[in-house]
N, C-alpha and C. Protein backbone atom coordinates (compact mmCIF):
# COMPACT_ATOMS: atom_id res chain seq x y z
N MET A 1 104.94 99.05 100.07
CA MET A 1 103.99 99.62 98.82
C MET A 1 104.04 100.99 99.41
N ARG A 2 102.72 101.89 98.28
CA ARG A 2 102.25 103.52 99.00
C ARG A 2 101.00 103.27 99.06
N PHE A 3 101.04 104.38 99.92
CA PHE A 3 99.44 104.13 100.65
C PHE A 3 99.63 106.13 100.37
N GLY A 4 97.95 106.13 100.13
CA GLY A 4 97.44 107.19 100.33
C GLY A 4 97.03 107.50 100.97
N ILE A 5 96.80 108.64 102.39
CA ILE A 5 96.18 108.68 103.32
C ILE A 5 95.21 109.59 103.80
N PHE A 6 93.70 109.90 103.06
CA PHE A 6 93.08 110.59 103.13
C PHE A 6 91.86 110.87 104.83
N GLY A 7 92.34 111.53 105.26
CA GLY A 7 90.83 111.68 106.29
C GLY A 7 90.05 112.79 106.43
N GLY A 8 89.25 113.05 107.07
CA GLY A 8 88.63 113.97 107.28
C GLY A 8 86.92 113.13 108.00
N THR A 9 85.96 114.32 107.92
CA THR A 9 84.71 114.27 108.70
C THR A 9 84.15 112.96 107.81
N PHE A 10 84.27 113.37 106.42
CA PHE A 10 83.40 112.70 105.81
C PHE A 10 81.54 112.94 106.17
N ASN A 11 81.27 114.15 105.92
CA ASN A 11 79.65 114.38 107.36
C ASN A 11 78.96 114.87 105.82
N PRO A 12 78.37 114.62 104.83
CA PRO A 12 78.46 113.08 104.96
C PRO A 12 80.05 112.96 103.72
N ILE A 13 80.39 111.71 103.03
CA ILE A 13 81.70 111.60 101.92
C ILE A 13 80.73 111.57 101.02
N HIS A 14 81.17 112.17 99.65
CA HIS A 14 80.41 112.48 98.42
C HIS A 14 80.96 112.60 97.32
N TYR A 15 81.07 113.17 95.69
CA TYR A 15 81.54 111.89 94.53
C TYR A 15 83.00 113.13 94.89
N GLY A 16 83.03 114.53 95.33
CA GLY A 16 83.73 115.31 95.36
C GLY A 16 85.28 114.70 96.02
N HIS A 17 84.48 113.91 97.15
CA HIS A 17 85.98 113.22 97.62
C HIS A 17 86.36 112.38 97.06
N LEU A 18 85.74 111.36 96.60
CA LEU A 18 85.96 110.00 95.93
C LEU A 18 86.82 110.59 94.12
N ARG A 19 85.88 111.20 93.68
CA ARG A 19 86.63 111.51 92.42
C ARG A 19 88.11 112.01 92.10
N ALA A 20 88.12 112.91 93.63
CA ALA A 20 89.66 113.56 93.64
C ALA A 20 90.73 112.31 94.07
N VAL A 21 90.31 112.23 94.80
CA VAL A 21 90.94 110.36 95.24
C VAL A 21 91.60 109.89 93.64
N GLU A 22 90.45 109.31 93.65
CA GLU A 22 90.53 108.39 92.70
C GLU A 22 91.58 109.01 91.61
N GLU A 23 91.11 110.01 91.21
CA GLU A 23 92.66 110.79 90.47
C GLU A 23 93.99 110.55 90.49
N VAL A 24 94.21 111.49 92.23
CA VAL A 24 95.13 111.13 92.78
C VAL A 24 95.98 109.86 92.96
N ARG A 25 95.18 109.00 93.27
CA ARG A 25 95.55 107.70 93.40
C ARG A 25 96.38 107.30 91.95
N GLN A 26 95.53 107.60 90.47
CA GLN A 26 96.01 107.00 89.49
C GLN A 26 97.40 107.25 89.11
N PHE A 27 97.06 109.38 89.60
CA PHE A 27 98.58 109.99 89.19
C PHE A 27 99.68 109.71 89.50
N LEU A 28 99.76 109.16 91.19
CA LEU A 28 100.96 108.76 91.65
C LEU A 28 101.24 107.24 91.53
N GLY A 29 100.65 106.71 91.69
CA GLY A 29 100.68 104.99 91.33
C GLY A 29 100.30 104.65 93.27
N PHE A 30 99.63 105.12 93.42
CA PHE A 30 99.26 104.33 94.80
C PHE A 30 98.99 102.68 94.68
N ASP A 31 99.16 102.27 95.85
CA ASP A 31 98.63 100.89 95.43
C ASP A 31 97.25 100.55 96.32
N LYS A 32 96.88 101.65 97.73
CA LYS A 32 95.44 102.25 97.95
C LYS A 32 95.51 103.19 98.59
N VAL A 33 94.58 103.46 98.94
CA VAL A 33 94.18 105.08 99.27
C VAL A 33 93.41 104.38 100.97
N ILE A 34 93.58 104.94 101.91
CA ILE A 34 92.51 104.82 103.23
C ILE A 34 92.30 105.67 103.35
N PHE A 35 90.91 105.77 103.76
CA PHE A 35 90.12 106.69 103.94
C PHE A 35 89.64 106.64 105.55
N ILE A 36 90.18 107.30 106.03
CA ILE A 36 89.80 107.91 107.70
C ILE A 36 88.80 108.79 108.11
N PRO A 37 87.49 108.02 108.68
CA PRO A 37 86.48 109.30 108.71
C PRO A 37 87.37 109.84 110.24
N SER A 38 87.26 110.27 110.96
CA SER A 38 87.50 111.20 112.13
C SER A 38 86.91 110.82 112.69
N GLY A 39 87.67 110.16 114.47
CA GLY A 39 86.76 109.83 115.19
C GLY A 39 86.01 110.96 116.08
N ASN A 40 87.01 112.08 116.90
CA ASN A 40 86.88 112.85 117.58
C ASN A 40 87.58 114.32 117.11
N PRO A 41 87.30 114.84 116.26
CA PRO A 41 87.58 116.19 115.40
C PRO A 41 88.04 117.62 116.49
N PRO A 42 89.16 118.41 116.04
CA PRO A 42 89.31 119.06 116.88
C PRO A 42 88.56 120.20 117.85
N PHE A 43 87.66 120.50 115.96
CA PHE A 43 87.03 121.47 115.81
C PHE A 43 85.00 120.66 115.16
N LYS A 44 84.33 120.92 116.35
CA LYS A 44 83.60 120.65 115.91
C LYS A 44 82.30 120.96 115.64
N ALA A 45 81.20 120.42 114.13
CA ALA A 45 79.87 121.05 113.18
C ALA A 45 79.47 120.70 114.59
N SER A 46 77.88 121.73 114.62
CA SER A 46 77.44 121.60 115.57
C SER A 46 76.35 120.21 114.90
N ASP A 47 76.33 119.94 113.82
CA ASP A 47 75.67 118.96 112.85
C ASP A 47 76.29 117.68 111.94
N LEU A 48 77.28 117.46 112.65
CA LEU A 48 78.25 116.27 112.91
C LEU A 48 77.56 115.10 113.41
N ALA A 49 77.65 113.89 112.39
CA ALA A 49 77.21 112.78 112.65
C ALA A 49 77.67 112.20 113.18
N ASP A 50 77.45 111.25 113.87
CA ASP A 50 78.33 110.14 114.86
C ASP A 50 79.10 109.49 114.20
N ALA A 51 80.08 109.12 114.81
CA ALA A 51 81.19 108.38 113.74
C ALA A 51 80.67 107.33 113.18
N SER A 52 80.03 106.13 113.99
CA SER A 52 80.44 104.98 113.62
C SER A 52 79.10 105.53 112.51
N HIS A 53 78.14 106.62 112.19
CA HIS A 53 77.34 106.47 110.62
C HIS A 53 78.15 106.95 109.70
N ARG A 54 79.33 108.29 110.25
CA ARG A 54 80.22 108.82 109.35
C ARG A 54 81.00 107.23 108.75
N TYR A 55 81.37 106.38 109.67
CA TYR A 55 82.20 105.33 109.35
C TYR A 55 81.66 104.47 108.09
N THR A 56 80.13 104.01 108.23
CA THR A 56 79.71 102.89 107.36
C THR A 56 78.91 104.30 106.36
N MET A 57 78.87 104.89 106.16
CA MET A 57 79.12 105.64 104.76
C MET A 57 80.05 105.61 104.07
N THR A 58 80.88 105.73 104.66
CA THR A 58 82.34 105.83 104.11
C THR A 58 82.28 104.71 103.56
N GLN A 59 81.90 103.54 104.09
CA GLN A 59 82.56 102.15 103.60
C GLN A 59 81.49 101.94 102.53
N LEU A 60 80.13 102.46 102.55
CA LEU A 60 79.31 102.23 101.40
C LEU A 60 79.57 102.97 100.52
N ALA A 61 80.66 104.20 100.63
CA ALA A 61 80.81 104.39 99.02
C ALA A 61 81.81 104.14 98.46
N THR A 62 83.54 103.56 99.09
CA THR A 62 83.87 102.94 98.58
C THR A 62 84.37 102.02 98.40
N THR A 63 82.77 100.90 98.70
CA THR A 63 83.35 99.73 98.77
C THR A 63 83.09 98.63 96.92
N SER A 64 83.03 99.82 96.04
CA SER A 64 82.78 99.22 94.87
C SER A 64 84.33 99.69 94.05
N ASN A 65 85.57 100.16 95.00
CA ASN A 65 86.51 100.21 94.49
C ASN A 65 87.48 99.18 95.42
N SER A 66 87.96 98.91 94.94
CA SER A 66 89.21 97.67 95.33
C SER A 66 90.12 98.33 96.02
N ASP A 67 90.74 100.05 95.21
CA ASP A 67 91.98 99.95 95.65
C ASP A 67 92.08 101.20 96.87
N PHE A 68 90.11 101.28 97.31
CA PHE A 68 89.89 102.08 98.60
C PHE A 68 89.85 101.17 99.80
N MET A 69 90.60 101.68 100.68
CA MET A 69 89.87 100.76 102.16
C MET A 69 89.47 101.95 102.90
N VAL A 70 89.14 101.63 104.17
CA VAL A 70 88.32 102.01 105.23
C VAL A 70 88.93 101.74 106.47
N SER A 71 89.53 102.85 107.37
CA SER A 71 90.06 102.54 108.29
C SER A 71 88.95 103.16 109.51
N ASP A 72 89.30 102.39 110.99
CA ASP A 72 88.46 102.99 111.81
C ASP A 72 89.43 103.29 113.17
N ILE A 73 90.92 103.93 112.74
CA ILE A 73 91.94 103.92 113.45
C ILE A 73 91.69 105.27 114.33
N GLU A 74 91.15 106.43 113.93
CA GLU A 74 91.16 107.45 114.87
C GLU A 74 89.59 107.35 115.53
N MET A 75 88.21 106.23 115.23
CA MET A 75 87.19 105.71 116.02
C MET A 75 87.23 104.98 117.43
N ARG A 76 88.88 104.41 117.52
CA ARG A 76 89.21 103.71 118.24
C ARG A 76 89.79 103.99 119.23
N ASN A 77 89.81 105.47 119.19
CA ASN A 77 90.78 105.96 120.40
C ASN A 77 89.97 107.15 120.84
N ASP A 78 89.64 107.07 122.53
CA ASP A 78 88.82 108.63 122.74
C ASP A 78 89.04 109.52 122.73
N GLU A 79 90.40 109.85 122.50
CA GLU A 79 91.26 111.72 122.32
C GLU A 79 90.81 112.02 120.89
N LYS A 80 91.50 113.95 121.03
CA LYS A 80 90.75 114.32 120.02
C LYS A 80 92.10 113.53 118.79
N SER A 81 90.93 113.90 117.54
CA SER A 81 91.50 113.08 116.11
C SER A 81 92.48 113.77 115.46
N TYR A 82 94.22 114.57 115.91
CA TYR A 82 95.04 115.10 115.83
C TYR A 82 95.45 114.17 114.54
N THR A 83 95.97 114.69 113.09
CA THR A 83 96.34 114.21 112.45
C THR A 83 97.89 113.42 112.71
N ILE A 84 98.74 114.46 113.53
CA ILE A 84 100.47 113.42 113.97
C ILE A 84 99.89 112.47 114.84
N SER A 85 98.57 112.44 115.88
CA SER A 85 98.76 111.29 115.93
C SER A 85 97.89 110.10 114.95
N THR A 86 97.76 109.89 114.65
CA THR A 86 97.32 109.06 113.40
C THR A 86 98.37 108.33 112.53
N ILE A 87 98.96 110.05 111.49
CA ILE A 87 100.11 108.68 111.56
C ILE A 87 100.92 108.46 111.93
N ASP A 88 101.46 108.68 113.32
CA ASP A 88 102.20 108.13 114.36
C ASP A 88 101.90 106.68 114.01
N ARG A 89 100.45 106.22 114.73
CA ARG A 89 99.94 104.78 114.52
C ARG A 89 100.19 104.44 113.39
N LEU A 90 99.90 104.96 112.19
CA LEU A 90 100.22 104.43 110.98
C LEU A 90 101.43 103.91 110.67
N ARG A 91 102.25 105.03 110.73
CA ARG A 91 104.13 104.44 110.71
C ARG A 91 104.65 103.13 111.48
N CYS A 92 103.63 102.48 113.08
CA CYS A 92 103.44 101.92 114.06
C CYS A 92 102.61 100.36 112.63
N LEU A 93 101.70 100.51 111.89
CA LEU A 93 101.37 99.24 111.45
C LEU A 93 101.71 99.17 109.74
N TYR A 94 102.51 99.81 109.18
CA TYR A 94 103.01 99.96 108.12
C TYR A 94 104.18 100.97 107.96
N PRO A 95 105.36 100.44 109.08
CA PRO A 95 106.83 100.70 108.61
C PRO A 95 107.59 100.25 107.63
N ASP A 96 107.13 99.51 106.87
CA ASP A 96 108.14 99.58 105.13
C ASP A 96 107.63 100.53 104.47
N ASP A 97 106.28 100.87 104.27
CA ASP A 97 105.48 101.97 103.22
C ASP A 97 105.77 103.16 103.11
N LYS A 98 105.14 103.79 102.20
CA LYS A 98 105.42 104.93 102.52
C LYS A 98 104.21 105.57 102.40
N LEU A 99 103.82 106.89 103.04
CA LEU A 99 102.55 107.27 103.33
C LEU A 99 102.22 108.39 102.66
N PHE A 100 101.43 109.47 102.24
CA PHE A 100 101.34 110.61 101.47
C PHE A 100 99.73 110.42 101.86
N LEU A 101 100.14 112.00 102.75
CA LEU A 101 98.70 112.43 103.41
C LEU A 101 98.00 113.00 101.77
N ILE A 102 96.88 112.88 101.40
CA ILE A 102 96.03 113.95 100.77
C ILE A 102 95.00 114.92 101.49
N LEU A 103 94.96 116.18 101.28
CA LEU A 103 94.75 117.44 101.37
C LEU A 103 94.03 118.38 100.99
N GLY A 104 93.32 119.10 101.09
CA GLY A 104 93.22 119.88 100.32
C GLY A 104 93.81 121.57 100.07
N ILE A 105 94.33 122.10 99.29
CA ILE A 105 94.63 123.61 99.84
C ILE A 105 94.41 124.54 100.80
N ASP A 106 93.36 124.11 100.89
CA ASP A 106 92.46 125.19 102.24
C ASP A 106 93.21 124.71 103.76
N ALA A 107 93.13 123.25 103.61
CA ALA A 107 93.42 122.45 104.74
C ALA A 107 94.89 122.38 105.22
N PHE A 108 95.89 122.10 103.80
CA PHE A 108 97.41 122.94 103.90
C PHE A 108 97.59 124.35 104.35
N MET A 109 96.64 125.10 103.82
CA MET A 109 96.90 126.25 104.06
C MET A 109 96.79 126.91 105.61
N ASP A 110 96.10 126.39 106.37
CA ASP A 110 95.62 125.86 107.89
C ASP A 110 96.88 125.09 108.98
N LEU A 111 97.66 124.56 108.18
CA LEU A 111 98.62 123.52 108.52
C LEU A 111 99.69 124.08 109.92
N PRO A 112 99.75 125.70 110.21
CA PRO A 112 100.26 125.89 111.12
C PRO A 112 99.74 126.19 111.96
N HIS A 113 98.09 125.98 112.56
CA HIS A 113 97.14 125.82 113.33
C HIS A 113 97.02 124.35 113.77
N TRP A 114 97.44 123.73 112.88
CA TRP A 114 97.18 122.23 113.50
C TRP A 114 98.64 122.08 114.27
N LYS A 115 98.10 120.83 115.27
CA LYS A 115 99.25 119.84 116.59
C LYS A 115 100.42 119.41 115.52
N GLU A 116 101.41 120.36 116.25
CA GLU A 116 102.88 119.58 115.81
C GLU A 116 102.32 120.20 114.32
N PRO A 117 102.74 120.73 113.65
CA PRO A 117 102.85 120.54 112.22
C PRO A 117 104.12 120.97 111.49
N SER A 118 104.97 120.77 112.23
CA SER A 118 106.33 120.85 111.56
C SER A 118 106.77 119.30 112.05
N ARG A 119 106.70 118.33 112.62
CA ARG A 119 106.97 117.62 112.74
C ARG A 119 105.77 116.48 111.97
N LEU A 120 104.66 116.88 112.07
CA LEU A 120 104.12 116.84 110.79
C LEU A 120 104.87 116.18 109.14
N VAL A 121 104.91 117.74 108.85
CA VAL A 121 105.75 117.61 108.10
C VAL A 121 107.31 116.99 107.37
N SER A 122 107.53 116.81 108.73
CA SER A 122 108.80 116.35 108.54
C SER A 122 108.95 114.74 108.40
N GLN A 123 107.55 114.40 108.59
CA GLN A 123 106.52 112.47 109.26
C GLN A 123 106.25 111.91 108.01
N VAL A 124 106.25 112.90 106.86
CA VAL A 124 104.73 112.34 105.68
C VAL A 124 105.02 113.08 104.60
N SER A 125 104.94 112.16 103.44
CA SER A 125 104.74 113.16 102.46
C SER A 125 103.34 114.27 101.95
N PHE A 126 103.28 114.55 101.56
CA PHE A 126 101.85 115.81 101.31
C PHE A 126 101.85 115.76 99.78
N VAL A 127 100.19 115.47 99.54
CA VAL A 127 99.65 115.59 98.11
C VAL A 127 98.35 116.90 98.57
N VAL A 128 99.16 117.79 98.05
CA VAL A 128 97.49 119.34 97.89
C VAL A 128 97.43 118.94 96.54
N VAL A 129 95.80 118.82 96.74
CA VAL A 129 94.83 118.45 95.80
C VAL A 129 93.85 120.27 95.78
N THR A 130 94.17 120.68 94.06
CA THR A 130 93.48 121.76 94.26
C THR A 130 91.90 121.48 94.06
N ARG A 131 90.56 122.40 94.08
CA ARG A 131 89.56 122.41 94.68
C ARG A 131 88.70 123.32 93.79
N PRO A 132 87.76 123.36 93.40
CA PRO A 132 87.42 124.52 92.79
C PRO A 132 87.38 125.71 93.40
N GLY A 133 87.66 126.83 92.13
CA GLY A 133 88.01 127.95 93.26
C GLY A 133 89.65 128.25 93.90
N SER A 134 90.45 126.98 93.85
CA SER A 134 91.47 127.62 94.37
C SER A 134 92.75 127.93 93.69
N ASN A 135 93.82 128.19 93.64
CA ASN A 135 94.74 128.50 93.06
C ASN A 135 95.66 127.36 93.40
N VAL A 136 96.71 127.45 92.45
CA VAL A 136 98.08 126.47 92.91
C VAL A 136 98.88 127.90 93.45
N SER A 137 98.81 128.76 93.10
CA SER A 137 99.50 130.22 93.65
C SER A 137 99.83 130.86 95.11
N GLU A 138 98.65 130.04 95.79
CA GLU A 138 98.50 130.44 97.00
C GLU A 138 99.51 129.75 97.93
N LEU A 139 99.38 128.79 97.80
CA LEU A 139 100.45 127.63 97.95
C LEU A 139 101.56 128.13 98.53
N ALA A 140 102.43 129.48 97.81
CA ALA A 140 103.33 130.27 98.11
C ALA A 140 103.35 130.84 99.49
N ALA A 141 102.38 131.37 100.39
CA ALA A 141 102.48 131.81 101.08
C ALA A 141 102.38 130.78 102.41
N SER A 142 102.54 129.61 101.96
CA SER A 142 102.24 128.75 103.33
C SER A 142 104.21 128.81 103.57
N PRO A 143 103.43 128.69 105.32
CA PRO A 143 105.77 129.20 105.87
C PRO A 143 106.40 127.30 105.51
N TYR A 144 106.21 126.69 105.30
CA TYR A 144 106.04 125.53 105.07
C TYR A 144 106.55 125.13 103.58
N VAL A 145 106.29 125.84 102.25
CA VAL A 145 106.91 125.98 100.94
C VAL A 145 107.82 126.86 101.47
N GLU A 146 108.68 125.73 100.62
CA GLU A 146 110.06 126.75 99.78
C GLU A 146 110.14 126.62 98.07
N ALA A 147 109.04 125.54 97.69
CA ALA A 147 109.00 126.51 96.53
C ALA A 147 108.12 125.07 95.55
N ILE A 148 107.53 125.41 94.55
CA ILE A 148 107.01 124.97 93.42
C ILE A 148 107.07 124.30 92.45
N ARG A 149 107.08 123.21 91.85
CA ARG A 149 107.90 123.43 90.56
C ARG A 149 107.63 121.79 89.64
N PRO A 150 107.51 122.27 87.94
CA PRO A 150 106.52 121.47 87.63
C PRO A 150 107.01 119.96 87.36
N SER A 151 106.35 118.86 86.88
CA SER A 151 106.85 117.42 86.68
C SER A 151 106.63 117.34 85.32
N ASP A 152 106.88 116.13 84.77
CA ASP A 152 106.71 115.49 83.42
C ASP A 152 105.43 114.87 83.20
N ASN A 153 104.16 115.00 84.75
CA ASN A 153 103.07 114.60 84.59
C ASN A 153 102.69 116.19 84.82
N THR A 154 101.52 116.78 83.88
CA THR A 154 101.06 118.13 84.18
C THR A 154 99.90 118.40 85.00
N SER A 155 99.57 117.36 85.51
CA SER A 155 98.59 117.16 86.74
C SER A 155 99.09 117.28 87.95
N ILE A 156 101.20 117.21 87.98
CA ILE A 156 101.24 116.95 88.94
C ILE A 156 101.90 118.23 88.86
N ASP A 157 102.29 119.03 90.04
CA ASP A 157 103.82 119.76 90.41
C ASP A 157 104.47 119.46 91.69
N LEU A 158 105.63 119.33 91.63
CA LEU A 158 106.09 118.81 93.22
C LEU A 158 106.67 120.26 93.74
N LEU A 159 106.48 119.80 95.23
CA LEU A 159 106.05 120.49 95.89
C LEU A 159 107.26 120.13 97.35
N ILE A 160 108.33 121.56 97.28
CA ILE A 160 108.95 121.24 97.96
C ILE A 160 109.09 122.03 99.80
N LEU A 161 109.03 121.09 100.56
CA LEU A 161 108.55 121.30 101.69
C LEU A 161 110.01 121.59 102.78
N ARG A 162 109.90 123.13 103.27
CA ARG A 162 110.57 123.54 104.51
C ARG A 162 111.26 122.34 105.44
N GLY A 163 112.53 121.22 105.45
CA GLY A 163 112.78 120.24 106.57
C GLY A 163 111.59 119.28 106.06
N GLY A 164 110.87 119.21 104.75
CA GLY A 164 109.81 118.11 104.75
C GLY A 164 110.47 117.25 103.88
N LEU A 165 109.43 116.05 103.20
CA LEU A 165 109.71 114.98 102.32
C LEU A 165 108.88 115.31 100.86
N GLN A 166 109.46 115.00 99.87
CA GLN A 166 109.31 115.02 99.05
C GLN A 166 107.34 115.06 98.78
N SER A 167 107.13 116.22 98.26
CA SER A 167 105.49 116.27 98.01
C SER A 167 104.85 116.29 96.51
N TYR A 168 104.02 116.74 97.12
CA TYR A 168 103.57 117.35 95.60
C TYR A 168 101.84 117.88 95.28
N VAL A 169 101.80 119.10 94.52
CA VAL A 169 99.99 119.50 94.17
C VAL A 169 100.06 118.63 92.72
N ALA A 170 98.52 118.06 92.98
CA ALA A 170 97.85 117.56 92.18
C ALA A 170 96.67 118.58 91.51
N ARG A 171 96.43 118.71 90.44
CA ARG A 171 95.71 119.51 89.86
C ARG A 171 94.55 118.31 89.18
N VAL A 172 93.38 117.96 90.01
CA VAL A 172 92.45 117.67 90.09
C VAL A 172 91.20 117.76 89.21
N SER A 173 90.00 116.98 88.76
CA SER A 173 88.82 117.51 87.84
C SER A 173 88.18 118.54 89.53
N GLY A 174 87.34 119.89 88.78
CA GLY A 174 87.20 120.49 89.33
C GLY A 174 85.56 119.97 89.67
N VAL A 175 85.15 118.91 91.01
CA VAL A 175 84.14 118.63 91.47
C VAL A 175 83.28 119.70 92.58
N ASP A 176 82.64 120.27 92.23
CA ASP A 176 81.71 121.33 92.98
C ASP A 176 80.68 121.21 93.38
N ILE A 177 80.99 120.12 95.13
CA ILE A 177 80.33 119.73 95.71
C ILE A 177 80.63 119.89 97.33
N SER A 178 79.94 120.16 98.34
CA SER A 178 80.39 120.20 99.25
C SER A 178 79.44 119.54 100.51
N SER A 179 80.07 119.04 101.29
CA SER A 179 79.24 118.20 102.56
C SER A 179 78.03 119.19 102.94
N THR A 180 78.56 120.53 103.20
CA THR A 180 78.07 121.52 103.86
C THR A 180 76.98 121.46 102.92
N ALA A 181 77.09 121.61 101.56
CA ALA A 181 75.74 121.90 101.14
C ALA A 181 74.74 120.85 100.66
N ILE A 182 74.94 119.25 100.96
CA ILE A 182 74.54 118.21 101.03
C ILE A 182 73.49 118.19 102.26
N ARG A 183 74.23 119.04 103.50
CA ARG A 183 73.63 118.89 104.77
C ARG A 183 72.48 119.62 104.73
N GLN A 184 72.19 121.40 103.89
CA GLN A 184 71.73 122.42 103.91
C GLN A 184 70.70 121.53 103.33
N LEU A 185 70.94 120.73 102.05
CA LEU A 185 69.51 120.09 101.24
C LEU A 185 68.55 119.74 101.87
N VAL A 186 69.38 118.57 102.48
CA VAL A 186 68.53 117.33 103.57
C VAL A 186 68.12 118.23 104.71
N GLN A 187 67.99 119.12 104.93
CA GLN A 187 67.40 119.83 106.36
C GLN A 187 66.00 120.78 105.57
N LYS A 188 66.60 120.81 104.29
CA LYS A 188 65.16 121.57 103.39
C LYS A 188 64.38 120.52 102.57
N ARG A 189 64.91 119.59 102.85
CA ARG A 189 63.71 119.17 102.33
C ARG A 189 63.86 119.08 100.80
N MET A 190 65.06 118.91 100.03
CA MET A 190 65.53 118.96 98.69
C MET A 190 66.63 118.17 98.03
N SER A 191 66.51 117.76 97.27
CA SER A 191 66.82 116.48 96.70
C SER A 191 68.45 116.73 96.39
N ILE A 192 69.23 115.13 96.78
CA ILE A 192 70.81 115.25 97.01
C ILE A 192 71.09 113.86 96.06
N LYS A 193 70.16 113.97 94.86
CA LYS A 193 70.68 112.60 94.35
C LYS A 193 71.72 113.58 93.37
N TYR A 194 72.86 112.87 92.98
CA TYR A 194 73.44 112.26 92.49
C TYR A 194 74.78 113.89 92.59
N LEU A 195 74.81 113.73 94.02
CA LEU A 195 75.62 114.30 94.57
C LEU A 195 76.56 113.46 95.11
N LEU A 196 76.06 112.34 96.12
CA LEU A 196 76.85 111.19 96.15
C LEU A 196 76.40 109.61 96.27
N PRO A 197 76.89 108.96 96.53
CA PRO A 197 76.68 107.43 96.25
C PRO A 197 74.92 107.06 96.84
N GLU A 198 74.66 106.56 95.86
CA GLU A 198 73.17 106.28 96.37
C GLU A 198 73.10 105.23 97.55
N SER A 199 73.63 104.55 97.65
CA SER A 199 73.98 103.50 99.02
C SER A 199 74.39 104.94 100.42
N VAL A 200 74.76 105.69 100.21
CA VAL A 200 74.87 106.84 100.93
C VAL A 200 73.88 107.87 101.52
N GLU A 201 73.14 108.36 99.81
CA GLU A 201 72.15 108.75 100.31
C GLU A 201 70.56 107.97 101.23
N GLN A 202 70.51 106.74 100.45
CA GLN A 202 69.74 105.93 101.20
C GLN A 202 70.15 105.71 102.82
N PHE A 203 71.39 105.65 103.26
CA PHE A 203 71.87 106.03 104.43
C PHE A 203 71.02 106.91 105.20
N ILE A 204 71.06 108.07 104.83
CA ILE A 204 71.25 109.55 105.32
C ILE A 204 69.75 109.37 105.75
N TYR A 205 68.87 108.99 104.85
CA TYR A 205 67.63 108.85 105.17
C TYR A 205 67.04 108.20 105.98
N SER A 206 67.53 107.06 106.13
CA SER A 206 67.04 105.94 106.73
C SER A 206 67.49 105.85 108.14
N HIS A 207 68.07 107.17 108.44
CA HIS A 207 69.08 107.27 110.11
C HIS A 207 68.62 108.49 110.36
N ASN A 208 68.09 108.92 109.09
CA ASN A 208 67.68 110.26 109.35
C ASN A 208 68.30 111.38 110.11
N LEU A 209 69.58 111.32 109.27
CA LEU A 209 70.20 112.74 109.36
C LEU A 209 70.22 113.85 108.94
N TYR A 210 71.40 114.60 109.06
CA TYR A 210 70.92 115.95 108.95
C TYR A 210 69.32 116.89 108.44
N CYS A 211 68.54 116.37 109.49
CA CYS A 211 67.17 116.97 109.35
C CYS A 211 67.00 118.00 110.03
């Protein structure tokens, strides 16, 4: 099987996340996309909701899509949530399957600052997703990018990584929503309706998150 792996704080998860991943799933024919809320991220925001709340919000947001699943693999570990450690554990769970790590251009460009980035590049295929205001040409500055080549699908470019597996750039619809902006709206007691699923909105208010 082909699994997309989409990790993040999801603080909170919103339609920008969901739409981008749904497009990637369809473009590349993934059997499932696994959402992995971070348990103990290396760089914590001061307003980071509890991991159990972020996990529940991610479940609520994805429950209507049978092609999405949510894993608590990082929450079950007290250590820092390093991506390379998560991929190692997923390899043990899915030894015969193909794994594709989905992340935005900004996150990929920060890869040199991650734990064991060279080993990560050699262990998993990447799907780098465009974001509003980003440009695919930015990727050329990464020390891990050897070339970017067009494919038969106009929404997908081939991403050739130095010492890495076959990877991709996905040009997805630009849904300009951010978790930071949602948290700020909650703090200002302004509406967050239509930025995220209603079930997630209700959970935020019922648990007094981000106030």
